[in-house]
Amino acid sequence: MLFKHWLVALFLFMFAPPVLADFSDNLRFAIDSSFRLNINDITSVTSRNYFLGMDTHKVFNDGNRDIGYAVAQLYYTKLSDQTPYPFMFSNKNDEQLIIREAHYNILTSRKSLLPNIRLGHFTLPFGLEDSQDTNGRLLDYGHGKNLGTKLDWGILANKVHTNVEYKVSYSLGGKDDPKSKEGSSVFTARVSTLSHLDFGIGLSLYKAKLDQKNRKRVAFDLKYYLYNWGLKSEIAYGKVDDNSGLYWLFELNRRTVNEQWKVYCHYIFDDQHQQKQSEQTFIAGARYTPNNNLDVSVQLNHQLQHPANKKELRLMQMQLRHRF
């Protein structure tokens, strides 16, 4: 399994288009290490996660313009008493080499109507997650829980126009494995106003056969920034087989002027109609980044309402992350 992961990552770089410049030109490389502590107040279980990886970004240029770029994020991940544990691990103390983002991107001219093409392992373009990278962070917008997976292997087309941008992807449904499993497939699409503006809205569609379940989801998201304050919201309706549900996330955040501190709070409402189950969750977090290398985060997760067949969740998390 480890050999296959390394082979796929090397493939993305080896078959990038030839360029005149030295390979080290326009190459960014970082060693990323982090430690995460999870304290569950209900079960009295304290778990730990350790991450050590490399994060690379390489831009290719033909002498006139950028024609593509490649991204590879490979992480050794070690669990300690993690319950429940993610699908790619076999037990609560397992260790694996995990591929996060690993893709090659073919860039067309900005004036061209032809889309840019992304090939590889990428985050599915859906909802608020599409406009903010949360890989390796405590902050999360529920991609894995809501869609069945956060990342998948496939192809994605995207383009930024004058007033609108879009992403459309087809992926295999193998999650961390570059193949279709038992007929799995995933279609995801999002169209939005320009992501760099202070005010933005987006519409997302999702249809998949994943883990032998048929999934459909549509979502509307909104963001608005005013001075140092930010407001985000996502409302979604979807079905997993015959079980339909309504989901709503609201976020309020604030940054300091120097952007070293960010505090945020989430309110999440998740109602599963057929199962007559609903969850309400409040999350509060803070992140301190004094420079480009150090990242210190803390987050409190408190479940206000939970289904009768599940335990209440009260979780405190702390993470120390360093890049060099």
C-alpha atoms as a PDB file:
ATOM      1  CA  MET A   1       0.000   0.000   0.000  1.00  0.00           C
ATOM      2  CA  LEU A   2       2.793   2.455   0.868  1.00  0.00           C
ATOM      3  CA  PHE A   3       4.624   1.699  -2.371  1.00  0.00           C
ATOM      4  CA  LYS A   4       1.470   2.338  -4.383  1.00  0.00           C
ATOM      5  CA  HIS A   5       0.960   5.719  -2.731  1.00  0.00           C
ATOM      6  CA  TRP A   6       4.514   6.832  -3.436  1.00  0.00           C
ATOM      7  CA  LEU A   7       4.242   5.558  -7.014  1.00  0.00           C
ATOM      8  CA  VAL A   8       1.117   7.607  -7.698  1.00  0.00           C
ATOM      9  CA  ALA A   9       2.709  10.764  -6.297  1.00  0.00           C
ATOM     10  CA  LEU A  10       5.871  10.297  -8.342  1.00  0.00           C
ATOM     11  CA  PHE A  11       3.768   9.741 -11.464  1.00  0.00           C
ATOM     12  CA  LEU A  12       2.248  13.212 -11.131  1.00  0.00           C
ATOM     13  CA  PHE A  13       5.685  14.813 -11.241  1.00  0.00           C
ATOM     14  CA  MET A  14       7.413  12.536 -13.736  1.00  0.00           C
ATOM     15  CA  PHE A  15       4.827  13.123 -16.436  1.00  0.00           C
ATOM     16  CA  ALA A  16       4.520  16.878 -15.997  1.00  0.00           C
ATOM     17  CA  PRO A  17       5.200  18.708 -19.301  1.00  0.00           C
ATOM     18  CA  PRO A  18       8.854  19.443 -20.116  1.00  0.00           C
ATOM     19  CA  VAL A  19      10.102  22.959 -19.447  1.00  0.00           C
ATOM     20  CA  LEU A  20      13.277  24.872 -20.220  1.00  0.00           C
ATOM     21  CA  ALA A  21      13.868  26.054 -16.668  1.00  0.00           C
ATOM     22  CA  ASP A  22      15.525  23.987 -13.971  1.00  0.00           C
ATOM     23  CA  PHE A  23      13.063  21.879 -11.971  1.00  0.00           C
ATOM     24  CA  SER A  24      13.877  23.750  -8.771  1.00  0.00           C
ATOM     25  CA  ASP A  25      12.617  27.021 -10.297  1.00  0.00           C
ATOM     26  CA  ASN A  26       9.169  27.978  -8.931  1.00  0.00           C
ATOM     27  CA  LEU A  27       9.335  25.054  -6.503  1.00  0.00           C
ATOM     28  CA  ARG A  28       8.074  25.428  -2.939  1.00  0.00           C
ATOM     29  CA  PHE A  29       8.827  22.680  -0.457  1.00  0.00           C
ATOM     30  CA  ALA A  30       7.989  22.448   3.250  1.00  0.00           C
ATOM     31  CA  ILE A  31       8.313  19.869   6.010  1.00  0.00           C
ATOM     32  CA  ASP A  32       5.070  19.944   7.977  1.00  0.00           C
ATOM     33  CA  SER A  33       4.853  18.466  11.485  1.00  0.00           C
ATOM     34  CA  SER A  34       1.988  18.642  13.958  1.00  0.00           C
ATOM     35  CA  PHE A  35       0.697  17.155  17.187  1.00  0.00           C
ATOM     36  CA  ARG A  36      -2.988  17.025  18.075  1.00  0.00           C
ATOM     37  CA  LEU A  37      -4.519  16.289  21.468  1.00  0.00           C
ATOM     38  CA  ASN A  38      -8.194  15.225  21.707  1.00  0.00           C
ATOM     39  CA  ILE A  39      -9.922  15.133  25.100  1.00  0.00           C
ATOM     40  CA  ASN A  40     -13.400  13.582  25.165  1.00  0.00           C
ATOM     41  CA  ASP A  41     -15.183  14.748  28.302  1.00  0.00           C
ATOM     42  CA  ILE A  42     -18.006  12.187  27.990  1.00  0.00           C
ATOM     43  CA  THR A  43     -15.941   9.008  27.564  1.00  0.00           C
ATOM     44  CA  SER A  44     -12.938  10.322  29.545  1.00  0.00           C
ATOM     45  CA  VAL A  45     -10.687   9.193  26.700  1.00  0.00           C
ATOM     46  CA  THR A  46      -7.677  11.247  25.638  1.00  0.00           C
ATOM     47  CA  SER A  47      -6.282  10.480  22.195  1.00  0.00           C
ATOM     48  CA  ARG A  48      -3.316  11.857  20.276  1.00  0.00           C
ATOM     49  CA  ASN A  49      -2.506  12.245  16.587  1.00  0.00           C
ATOM     50  CA  TYR A  50       0.958  12.773  15.123  1.00  0.00           C
ATOM     51  CA  PHE A  51       1.610  14.066  11.601  1.00  0.00           C
ATOM     52  CA  LEU A  52       4.867  14.419   9.706  1.00  0.00           C
ATOM     53  CA  GLY A  53       4.857  15.139   6.006  1.00  0.00           C
ATOM     54  CA  MET A  54       6.081  17.066   3.034  1.00  0.00           C
ATOM     55  CA  ASP A  55       4.104  19.689   1.161  1.00  0.00           C
ATOM     56  CA  THR A  56       5.336  20.553  -2.340  1.00  0.00           C
ATOM     57  CA  HIS A  57       4.096  22.984  -4.974  1.00  0.00           C
ATOM     58  CA  LYS A  58       5.753  23.284  -8.381  1.00  0.00           C
ATOM     59  CA  VAL A  59       4.809  25.778 -11.135  1.00  0.00           C
ATOM     60  CA  PHE A  60       5.668  24.996 -14.775  1.00  0.00           C
ATOM     61  CA  ASN A  61       6.323  27.790 -17.264  1.00  0.00           C
ATOM     62  CA  ASP A  62       7.022  27.663 -21.026  1.00  0.00           C
ATOM     63  CA  GLY A  63       8.817  31.012 -21.033  1.00  0.00           C
ATOM     64  CA  ASN A  64       5.708  33.027 -21.816  1.00  0.00           C
ATOM     65  CA  ARG A  65       3.177  31.997 -19.189  1.00  0.00           C
ATOM     66  CA  ASP A  66       2.455  29.445 -16.505  1.00  0.00           C
ATOM     67  CA  ILE A  67       1.170  26.286 -18.192  1.00  0.00           C
ATOM     68  CA  GLY A  68       0.587  24.132 -15.121  1.00  0.00           C
ATOM     69  CA  TYR A  69       1.415  23.335 -11.541  1.00  0.00           C
ATOM     70  CA  ALA A  70       1.688  20.219  -9.395  1.00  0.00           C
ATOM     71  CA  VAL A  71       0.833  19.706  -5.726  1.00  0.00           C
ATOM     72  CA  ALA A  72       1.874  16.756  -3.554  1.00  0.00           C
ATOM     73  CA  GLN A  73       1.116  16.396   0.163  1.00  0.00           C
ATOM     74  CA  LEU A  74       2.344  13.138   1.711  1.00  0.00           C
ATOM     75  CA  TYR A  75       1.998  12.593   5.459  1.00  0.00           C
ATOM     76  CA  TYR A  76       3.049   9.909   7.894  1.00  0.00           C
ATOM     77  CA  THR A  77       0.184   9.765  10.382  1.00  0.00           C
ATOM     78  CA  LYS A  78       0.199   7.985  13.737  1.00  0.00           C
ATOM     79  CA  LEU A  79      -2.865   7.434  15.934  1.00  0.00           C
ATOM     80  CA  SER A  80      -2.839   6.864  19.667  1.00  0.00           C
ATOM     81  CA  ASP A  81      -6.096   5.709  21.314  1.00  0.00           C
ATOM     82  CA  GLN A  82      -8.154   7.355  18.559  1.00  0.00           C
ATOM     83  CA  THR A  83     -11.792   6.213  18.779  1.00  0.00           C
ATOM     84  CA  PRO A  84     -13.525   6.251  16.404  1.00  0.00           C
ATOM     85  CA  TYR A  85     -10.728   6.193  13.857  1.00  0.00           C
ATOM     86  CA  PRO A  86     -10.878   7.253  10.158  1.00  0.00           C
ATOM     87  CA  PHE A  87     -11.642   4.670   7.463  1.00  0.00           C
ATOM     88  CA  MET A  88      -8.041   4.505   6.165  1.00  0.00           C
ATOM     89  CA  PHE A  89      -6.795   3.119   9.504  1.00  0.00           C
ATOM     90  CA  SER A  90      -7.267  -0.442  10.780  1.00  0.00           C
ATOM     91  CA  ASN A  91      -7.246   0.234  14.536  1.00  0.00           C
ATOM     92  CA  LYS A  92      -7.068   3.018  17.123  1.00  0.00           C
ATOM     93  CA  ASN A  93      -3.253   2.875  17.302  1.00  0.00           C
ATOM     94  CA  ASP A  94      -2.531   2.431  13.597  1.00  0.00           C
ATOM     95  CA  GLU A  95      -0.039   4.354  11.474  1.00  0.00           C
ATOM     96  CA  GLN A  96      -0.255   5.058   7.750  1.00  0.00           C
ATOM     97  CA  LEU A  97       1.248   7.116   4.971  1.00  0.00           C
ATOM     98  CA  ILE A  98      -1.623   9.369   3.898  1.00  0.00           C
ATOM     99  CA  ILE A  99      -1.950  11.305   0.648  1.00  0.00           C
ATOM    100  CA  ARG A 100      -3.837  14.557   1.114  1.00  0.00           C
ATOM    101  CA  GLU A 101      -3.759  16.700  -2.032  1.00  0.00           C
ATOM    102  CA  ALA A 102      -1.774  15.194  -4.943  1.00  0.00           C
ATOM    103  CA  HIS A 103      -2.630  16.502  -8.408  1.00  0.00           C
ATOM    104  CA  TYR A 104      -1.342  18.031 -11.613  1.00  0.00           C
ATOM    105  CA  ASN A 105      -3.113  21.095 -13.029  1.00  0.00           C
ATOM    106  CA  ILE A 106      -3.122  22.060 -16.696  1.00  0.00           C
ATOM    107  CA  LEU A 107      -3.619  25.819 -17.052  1.00  0.00           C
ATOM    108  CA  THR A 108      -5.230  27.373 -20.115  1.00  0.00           C
ATOM    109  CA  SER A 109      -4.918  31.031 -21.070  1.00  0.00           C
ATOM    110  CA  ARG A 110      -6.937  33.409 -18.885  1.00  0.00           C
ATOM    111  CA  LYS A 111      -8.651  34.752 -21.992  1.00  0.00           C
ATOM    112  CA  SER A 112      -9.583  31.282 -23.217  1.00  0.00           C
ATOM    113  CA  LEU A 113     -13.014  29.782 -22.612  1.00  0.00           C
ATOM    114  CA  LEU A 114     -11.393  26.359 -22.237  1.00  0.00           C
ATOM    115  CA  PRO A 115     -11.256  25.220 -18.606  1.00  0.00           C
ATOM    116  CA  ASN A 116      -8.220  24.381 -16.546  1.00  0.00           C
ATOM    117  CA  ILE A 117      -7.914  20.648 -15.868  1.00  0.00           C
ATOM    118  CA  ARG A 118      -6.905  18.983 -12.602  1.00  0.00           C
ATOM    119  CA  LEU A 119      -5.892  15.308 -12.436  1.00  0.00           C
ATOM    120  CA  GLY A 120      -5.235  13.433  -9.226  1.00  0.00           C
ATOM    121  CA  HIS A 121      -6.353  13.416  -5.592  1.00  0.00           C
ATOM    122  CA  PHE A 122      -8.224  16.594  -4.637  1.00  0.00           C
ATOM    123  CA  THR A 123     -10.813  18.037  -2.264  1.00  0.00           C
ATOM    124  CA  LEU A 124     -14.317  17.736  -3.688  1.00  0.00           C
ATOM    125  CA  PRO A 125     -15.624  21.161  -4.825  1.00  0.00           C
ATOM    126  CA  PHE A 126     -18.662  21.552  -2.605  1.00  0.00           C
ATOM    127  CA  GLY A 127     -19.888  24.257  -0.241  1.00  0.00           C
ATOM    128  CA  LEU A 128     -17.752  26.373   2.074  1.00  0.00           C
ATOM    129  CA  GLU A 129     -14.910  23.858   2.025  1.00  0.00           C
ATOM    130  CA  ASP A 130     -14.196  24.775  -1.601  1.00  0.00           C
ATOM    131  CA  SER A 131     -13.158  28.328  -0.717  1.00  0.00           C
ATOM    132  CA  GLN A 132     -10.933  27.504   2.274  1.00  0.00           C
ATOM    133  CA  ASP A 133      -8.303  24.798   2.676  1.00  0.00           C
ATOM    134  CA  THR A 134      -8.810  22.995   6.004  1.00  0.00           C
ATOM    135  CA  ASN A 135      -6.454  20.041   5.460  1.00  0.00           C
ATOM    136  CA  GLY A 136      -4.429  19.473   8.634  1.00  0.00           C
ATOM    137  CA  ARG A 137      -6.392  22.028  10.656  1.00  0.00           C
ATOM    138  CA  LEU A 138      -8.914  21.805  13.475  1.00  0.00           C
ATOM    139  CA  LEU A 139     -11.331  24.038  11.555  1.00  0.00           C
ATOM    140  CA  ASP A 140     -13.578  21.840   9.441  1.00  0.00           C
ATOM    141  CA  TYR A 141     -16.785  22.185   7.405  1.00  0.00           C
ATOM    142  CA  GLY A 142     -17.976  18.575   7.616  1.00  0.00           C
ATOM    143  CA  HIS A 143     -17.017  17.347   4.144  1.00  0.00           C
ATOM    144  CA  GLY A 144     -16.198  13.811   5.255  1.00  0.00           C
ATOM    145  CA  LYS A 145     -19.389  13.362   7.261  1.00  0.00           C
ATOM    146  CA  ASN A 146     -21.749  15.080   4.816  1.00  0.00           C
ATOM    147  CA  LEU A 147     -20.409  13.737   1.507  1.00  0.00           C
ATOM    148  CA  GLY A 148     -18.931  10.430   2.623  1.00  0.00           C
ATOM    149  CA  THR A 149     -15.399  11.565   1.763  1.00  0.00           C
ATOM    150  CA  LYS A 150     -13.441  14.800   1.685  1.00  0.00           C
ATOM    151  CA  LEU A 151     -10.974  13.915  -1.072  1.00  0.00           C
ATOM    152  CA  ASP A 152     -11.115  11.559  -4.035  1.00  0.00           C
ATOM    153  CA  TRP A 153      -9.153  10.524  -7.146  1.00  0.00           C
ATOM    154  CA  GLY A 154     -10.445  11.882 -10.437  1.00  0.00           C
ATOM    155  CA  ILE A 155     -10.572  14.762 -12.890  1.00  0.00           C
ATOM    156  CA  LEU A 156     -11.746  18.319 -12.290  1.00  0.00           C
ATOM    157  CA  ALA A 157     -12.452  21.194 -14.697  1.00  0.00           C
ATOM    158  CA  ASN A 158     -12.401  24.772 -13.411  1.00  0.00           C
ATOM    159  CA  LYS A 159     -12.306  28.336 -14.670  1.00  0.00           C
ATOM    160  CA  VAL A 160     -12.473  31.882 -13.322  1.00  0.00           C
ATOM    161  CA  HIS A 161     -14.384  34.335 -15.522  1.00  0.00           C
ATOM    162  CA  THR A 162     -15.111  38.050 -15.088  1.00  0.00           C
ATOM    163  CA  ASN A 163     -17.938  37.677 -12.559  1.00  0.00           C
ATOM    164  CA  VAL A 164     -18.231  33.966 -11.894  1.00  0.00           C
ATOM    165  CA  GLU A 165     -16.104  30.878 -11.326  1.00  0.00           C
ATOM    166  CA  TYR A 166     -16.903  27.180 -11.432  1.00  0.00           C
ATOM    167  CA  LYS A 167     -15.536  23.714 -10.671  1.00  0.00           C
ATOM    168  CA  VAL A 168     -16.922  20.422 -11.972  1.00  0.00           C
ATOM    169  CA  SER A 169     -15.400  17.072 -11.024  1.00  0.00           C
ATOM    170  CA  TYR A 170     -15.858  13.386 -11.705  1.00  0.00           C
ATOM    171  CA  SER A 171     -14.044  11.010  -9.379  1.00  0.00           C
ATOM    172  CA  LEU A 172     -13.823   7.275  -8.769  1.00  0.00           C
ATOM    173  CA  GLY A 173     -15.185   6.998  -5.236  1.00  0.00           C
ATOM    174  CA  GLY A 174     -12.166   5.082  -3.977  1.00  0.00           C
ATOM    175  CA  LYS A 175     -11.390   7.871  -1.486  1.00  0.00           C
ATOM    176  CA  ASP A 176      -7.685   7.297  -0.752  1.00  0.00           C
ATOM    177  CA  ASP A 177      -7.448   4.524  -3.357  1.00  0.00           C
ATOM    178  CA  PRO A 178      -7.199   5.521  -7.064  1.00  0.00           C
ATOM    179  CA  LYS A 179      -9.886   3.151  -8.307  1.00  0.00           C
ATOM    180  CA  SER A 180     -13.621   2.597  -8.355  1.00  0.00           C
ATOM    181  CA  LYS A 181     -14.902   0.242  -5.652  1.00  0.00           C
ATOM    182  CA  GLU A 182     -18.031  -1.836  -6.274  1.00  0.00           C
ATOM    183  CA  GLY A 183     -19.217   0.572  -8.979  1.00  0.00           C
ATOM    184  CA  SER A 184     -18.543   3.729  -6.971  1.00  0.00           C
ATOM    185  CA  SER A 185     -18.451   7.134  -8.658  1.00  0.00           C
ATOM    186  CA  VAL A 186     -18.772  10.751  -7.557  1.00  0.00           C
ATOM    187  CA  PHE A 187     -19.994  13.831  -9.447  1.00  0.00           C
ATOM    188  CA  THR A 188     -19.528  17.220  -7.785  1.00  0.00           C
ATOM    189  CA  ALA A 189     -20.038  20.760  -9.078  1.00  0.00           C
ATOM    190  CA  ARG A 190     -19.945  24.263  -7.651  1.00  0.00           C
ATOM    191  CA  VAL A 191     -20.560  27.650  -9.285  1.00  0.00           C
ATOM    192  CA  SER A 192     -19.986  30.866  -7.348  1.00  0.00           C
ATOM    193  CA  THR A 193     -19.186  34.525  -7.467  1.00  0.00           C
ATOM    194  CA  LEU A 194     -15.478  35.402  -7.352  1.00  0.00           C
ATOM    195  CA  SER A 195     -13.878  33.848  -4.275  1.00  0.00           C
ATOM    196  CA  HIS A 196     -11.495  36.753  -3.522  1.00  0.00           C
ATOM    197  CA  LEU A 197     -14.322  39.262  -2.961  1.00  0.00           C
ATOM    198  CA  ASP A 198     -15.649  40.188   0.497  1.00  0.00           C
ATOM    199  CA  PHE A 199     -19.162  39.066  -0.431  1.00  0.00           C
ATOM    200  CA  GLY A 200     -19.801  35.801  -2.206  1.00  0.00           C
ATOM    201  CA  ILE A 201     -22.440  33.152  -2.827  1.00  0.00           C
ATOM    202  CA  GLY A 202     -22.201  29.650  -4.226  1.00  0.00           C
ATOM    203  CA  LEU A 203     -24.385  26.784  -5.407  1.00  0.00           C
ATOM    204  CA  SER A 204     -23.167  23.177  -5.153  1.00  0.00           C
ATOM    205  CA  LEU A 205     -24.445  19.850  -6.508  1.00  0.00           C
ATOM    206  CA  TYR A 206     -23.387  16.354  -5.509  1.00  0.00           C
ATOM    207  CA  LYS A 207     -24.400  12.918  -6.749  1.00  0.00           C
ATOM    208  CA  ALA A 208     -22.534   9.763  -5.866  1.00  0.00           C
ATOM    209  CA  LYS A 209     -22.562   6.060  -5.332  1.00  0.00           C
ATOM    210  CA  LEU A 210     -20.218   5.667  -2.392  1.00  0.00           C
ATOM    211  CA  ASP A 211     -19.834   2.879   0.159  1.00  0.00           C
ATOM    212  CA  GLN A 212     -22.692   1.077  -1.677  1.00  0.00           C
ATOM    213  CA  LYS A 213     -25.018   3.981  -0.892  1.00  0.00           C
ATOM    214  CA  ASN A 214     -26.682   6.404  -3.301  1.00  0.00           C
ATOM    215  CA  ARG A 215     -26.067   9.984  -2.256  1.00  0.00           C
ATOM    216  CA  LYS A 216     -27.544  13.277  -3.503  1.00  0.00           C
ATOM    217  CA  ARG A 217     -27.002  16.746  -2.090  1.00  0.00           C
ATOM    218  CA  VAL A 218     -27.551  20.364  -3.074  1.00  0.00           C
ATOM    219  CA  ALA A 219     -26.224  23.315  -1.082  1.00  0.00           C
ATOM    220  CA  PHE A 220     -26.238  27.093  -1.051  1.00  0.00           C
ATOM    221  CA  ASP A 221     -23.405  28.910   0.711  1.00  0.00           C
ATOM    222  CA  LEU A 222     -22.703  32.520   1.545  1.00  0.00           C
ATOM    223  CA  LYS A 223     -19.808  34.526   2.958  1.00  0.00           C
ATOM    224  CA  TYR A 224     -19.472  38.185   3.940  1.00  0.00           C
ATOM    225  CA  TYR A 225     -16.491  40.056   5.389  1.00  0.00           C
ATOM    226  CA  LEU A 226     -16.729  43.479   7.011  1.00  0.00           C
ATOM    227  CA  TYR A 227     -13.499  44.916   8.414  1.00  0.00           C
ATOM    228  CA  ASN A 228     -12.130  42.167  10.703  1.00  0.00           C
ATOM    229  CA  TRP A 229     -15.422  40.296  10.980  1.00  0.00           C
ATOM    230  CA  GLY A 230     -16.541  37.407   8.839  1.00  0.00           C
ATOM    231  CA  LEU A 231     -19.851  35.598   8.435  1.00  0.00           C
ATOM    232  CA  LYS A 232     -20.309  32.304   6.623  1.00  0.00           C
ATOM    233  CA  SER A 233     -23.297  30.035   6.167  1.00  0.00           C
ATOM    234  CA  GLU A 234     -24.162  26.863   4.303  1.00  0.00           C
ATOM    235  CA  ILE A 235     -27.575  25.253   3.978  1.00  0.00           C
ATOM    236  CA  ALA A 236     -27.960  21.883   2.289  1.00  0.00           C
ATOM    237  CA  TYR A 237     -30.614  19.303   1.522  1.00  0.00           C
ATOM    238  CA  GLY A 238     -29.718  15.755   0.601  1.00  0.00           C
ATOM    239  CA  LYS A 239     -30.519  12.065   0.578  1.00  0.00           C
ATOM    240  CA  VAL A 240     -28.532   8.964   1.479  1.00  0.00           C
ATOM    241  CA  ASP A 241     -30.509   6.089  -0.053  1.00  0.00           C
ATOM    242  CA  ASP A 242     -34.059   6.804   1.204  1.00  0.00           C
ATOM    243  CA  ASN A 243     -33.073   8.932   4.188  1.00  0.00           C
ATOM    244  CA  SER A 244     -33.405  12.657   3.483  1.00  0.00           C
ATOM    245  CA  GLY A 245     -31.978  15.401   5.654  1.00  0.00           C
ATOM    246  CA  LEU A 246     -31.534  19.123   6.125  1.00  0.00           C
ATOM    247  CA  TYR A 247     -28.206  20.639   7.178  1.00  0.00           C
ATOM    248  CA  TRP A 248     -27.338  24.176   8.224  1.00  0.00           C
ATOM    249  CA  LEU A 249     -24.000  25.636   9.313  1.00  0.00           C
ATOM    250  CA  PHE A 250     -23.471  29.191  10.532  1.00  0.00           C
ATOM    251  CA  GLU A 251     -20.044  30.680  11.278  1.00  0.00           C
ATOM    252  CA  LEU A 252     -19.027  33.959  12.847  1.00  0.00           C
ATOM    253  CA  ASN A 253     -15.313  34.784  12.946  1.00  0.00           C
ATOM    254  CA  ARG A 254     -12.988  37.661  13.719  1.00  0.00           C
ATOM    255  CA  ARG A 255      -9.335  38.321  12.894  1.00  0.00           C
ATOM    256  CA  THR A 256      -6.921  40.760  14.466  1.00  0.00           C
ATOM    257  CA  VAL A 257      -5.538  43.526  12.249  1.00  0.00           C
ATOM    258  CA  ASN A 258      -2.180  41.763  11.871  1.00  0.00           C
ATOM    259  CA  GLU A 259      -4.064  38.468  11.160  1.00  0.00           C
ATOM    260  CA  GLN A 260      -2.077  36.580  13.793  1.00  0.00           C
ATOM    261  CA  TRP A 261      -5.218  35.697  15.762  1.00  0.00           C
ATOM    262  CA  LYS A 262      -8.476  34.284  14.491  1.00  0.00           C
ATOM    263  CA  VAL A 263     -11.442  33.270  16.654  1.00  0.00           C
ATOM    264  CA  TYR A 264     -14.576  31.602  15.339  1.00  0.00           C
ATOM    265  CA  CYS A 265     -17.764  29.883  16.396  1.00  0.00           C
ATOM    266  CA  HIS A 266     -20.036  27.466  14.537  1.00  0.00           C
ATOM    267  CA  TYR A 267     -23.629  26.481  15.023  1.00  0.00           C
ATOM    268  CA  ILE A 268     -24.559  23.302  13.134  1.00  0.00           C
ATOM    269  CA  PHE A 269     -28.052  21.844  12.739  1.00  0.00           C
ATOM    270  CA  ASP A 270     -28.353  18.397  11.130  1.00  0.00           C
ATOM    271  CA  ASP A 271     -31.824  16.846  10.817  1.00  0.00           C
ATOM    272  CA  GLN A 272     -32.371  13.338   9.405  1.00  0.00           C
ATOM    273  CA  HIS A 273     -36.076  13.234   8.560  1.00  0.00           C
ATOM    274  CA  GLN A 274     -36.772   9.521   8.010  1.00  0.00           C
ATOM    275  CA  GLN A 275     -34.744   8.474  11.035  1.00  0.00           C
ATOM    276  CA  LYS A 276     -36.369  11.222  13.106  1.00  0.00           C
ATOM    277  CA  GLN A 277     -32.962  12.216  14.404  1.00  0.00           C
ATOM    278  CA  SER A 278     -31.535  15.680  14.756  1.00  0.00           C
ATOM    279  CA  GLU A 279     -28.257  17.044  16.040  1.00  0.00           C
ATOM    280  CA  GLN A 280     -27.317  20.528  17.165  1.00  0.00           C
ATOM    281  CA  THR A 281     -23.673  21.351  17.751  1.00  0.00           C
ATOM    282  CA  PHE A 282     -21.813  24.435  18.940  1.00  0.00           C
ATOM    283  CA  ILE A 283     -18.105  24.817  18.154  1.00  0.00           C
ATOM    284  CA  ALA A 284     -15.752  27.550  19.331  1.00  0.00           C
ATOM    285  CA  GLY A 285     -12.138  27.821  18.288  1.00  0.00           C
ATOM    286  CA  ALA A 286      -9.070  30.032  18.166  1.00  0.00           C
ATOM    287  CA  ARG A 287      -5.971  29.987  15.990  1.00  0.00           C
ATOM    288  CA  TYR A 288      -2.670  31.789  16.564  1.00  0.00           C
ATOM    289  CA  THR A 289      -0.159  32.156  13.711  1.00  0.00           C
ATOM    290  CA  PRO A 290       2.661  34.507  14.735  1.00  0.00           C
ATOM    291  CA  ASN A 291       4.542  33.738  11.501  1.00  0.00           C
ATOM    292  CA  ASN A 292       4.394  31.486   8.438  1.00  0.00           C
ATOM    293  CA  ASN A 293       5.948  28.564  10.331  1.00  0.00           C
ATOM    294  CA  LEU A 294       4.047  28.209  13.606  1.00  0.00           C
ATOM    295  CA  ASP A 295       0.341  27.460  14.036  1.00  0.00           C
ATOM    296  CA  VAL A 296      -1.308  26.931  17.437  1.00  0.00           C
ATOM    297  CA  SER A 297      -5.012  26.054  17.576  1.00  0.00           C
ATOM    298  CA  VAL A 298      -7.619  25.113  20.155  1.00  0.00           C
ATOM    299  CA  GLN A 299     -11.236  24.084  19.583  1.00  0.00           C
ATOM    300  CA  LEU A 300     -14.186  23.160  21.796  1.00  0.00           C
ATOM    301  CA  ASN A 301     -16.980  20.990  20.381  1.00  0.00           C
ATOM    302  CA  HIS A 302     -20.205  20.734  22.395  1.00  0.00           C
ATOM    303  CA  GLN A 303     -23.265  18.839  21.221  1.00  0.00           C
ATOM    304  CA  LEU A 304     -26.438  20.638  22.270  1.00  0.00           C
ATOM    305  CA  GLN A 305     -28.770  17.918  20.981  1.00  0.00           C
ATOM    306  CA  HIS A 306     -27.971  14.371  19.921  1.00  0.00           C
ATOM    307  CA  PRO A 307     -29.884  11.267  18.748  1.00  0.00           C
ATOM    308  CA  ALA A 308     -31.018   8.857  21.446  1.00  0.00           C
ATOM    309  CA  ASN A 309     -28.909   6.037  19.994  1.00  0.00           C
ATOM    310  CA  LYS A 310     -25.656   8.057  20.099  1.00  0.00           C
ATOM    311  CA  LYS A 311     -23.532   9.374  22.916  1.00  0.00           C
ATOM    312  CA  GLU A 312     -23.313  13.077  23.549  1.00  0.00           C
ATOM    313  CA  LEU A 313     -20.139  14.681  22.231  1.00  0.00           C
ATOM    314  CA  ARG A 314     -18.080  17.100  24.309  1.00  0.00           C
ATOM    315  CA  LEU A 315     -14.613  17.356  22.856  1.00  0.00           C
ATOM    316  CA  MET A 316     -11.659  19.664  23.429  1.00  0.00           C
ATOM    317  CA  GLN A 317      -8.858  19.672  20.852  1.00  0.00           C
ATOM    318  CA  MET A 318      -5.469  21.346  20.816  1.00  0.00           C
ATOM    319  CA  GLN A 319      -2.970  21.340  17.973  1.00  0.00           C
ATOM    320  CA  LEU A 320       0.611  22.519  17.574  1.00  0.00           C
ATOM    321  CA  ARG A 321       1.841  22.710  13.976  1.00  0.00           C
ATOM    322  CA  HIS A 322       5.216  23.747  12.600  1.00  0.00           C
ATOM    323  CA  ARG A 323       6.347  24.108   8.974  1.00  0.00           C
ATOM    324  CA  PHE A 324       9.940  24.572   7.900  1.00  0.00           C
END
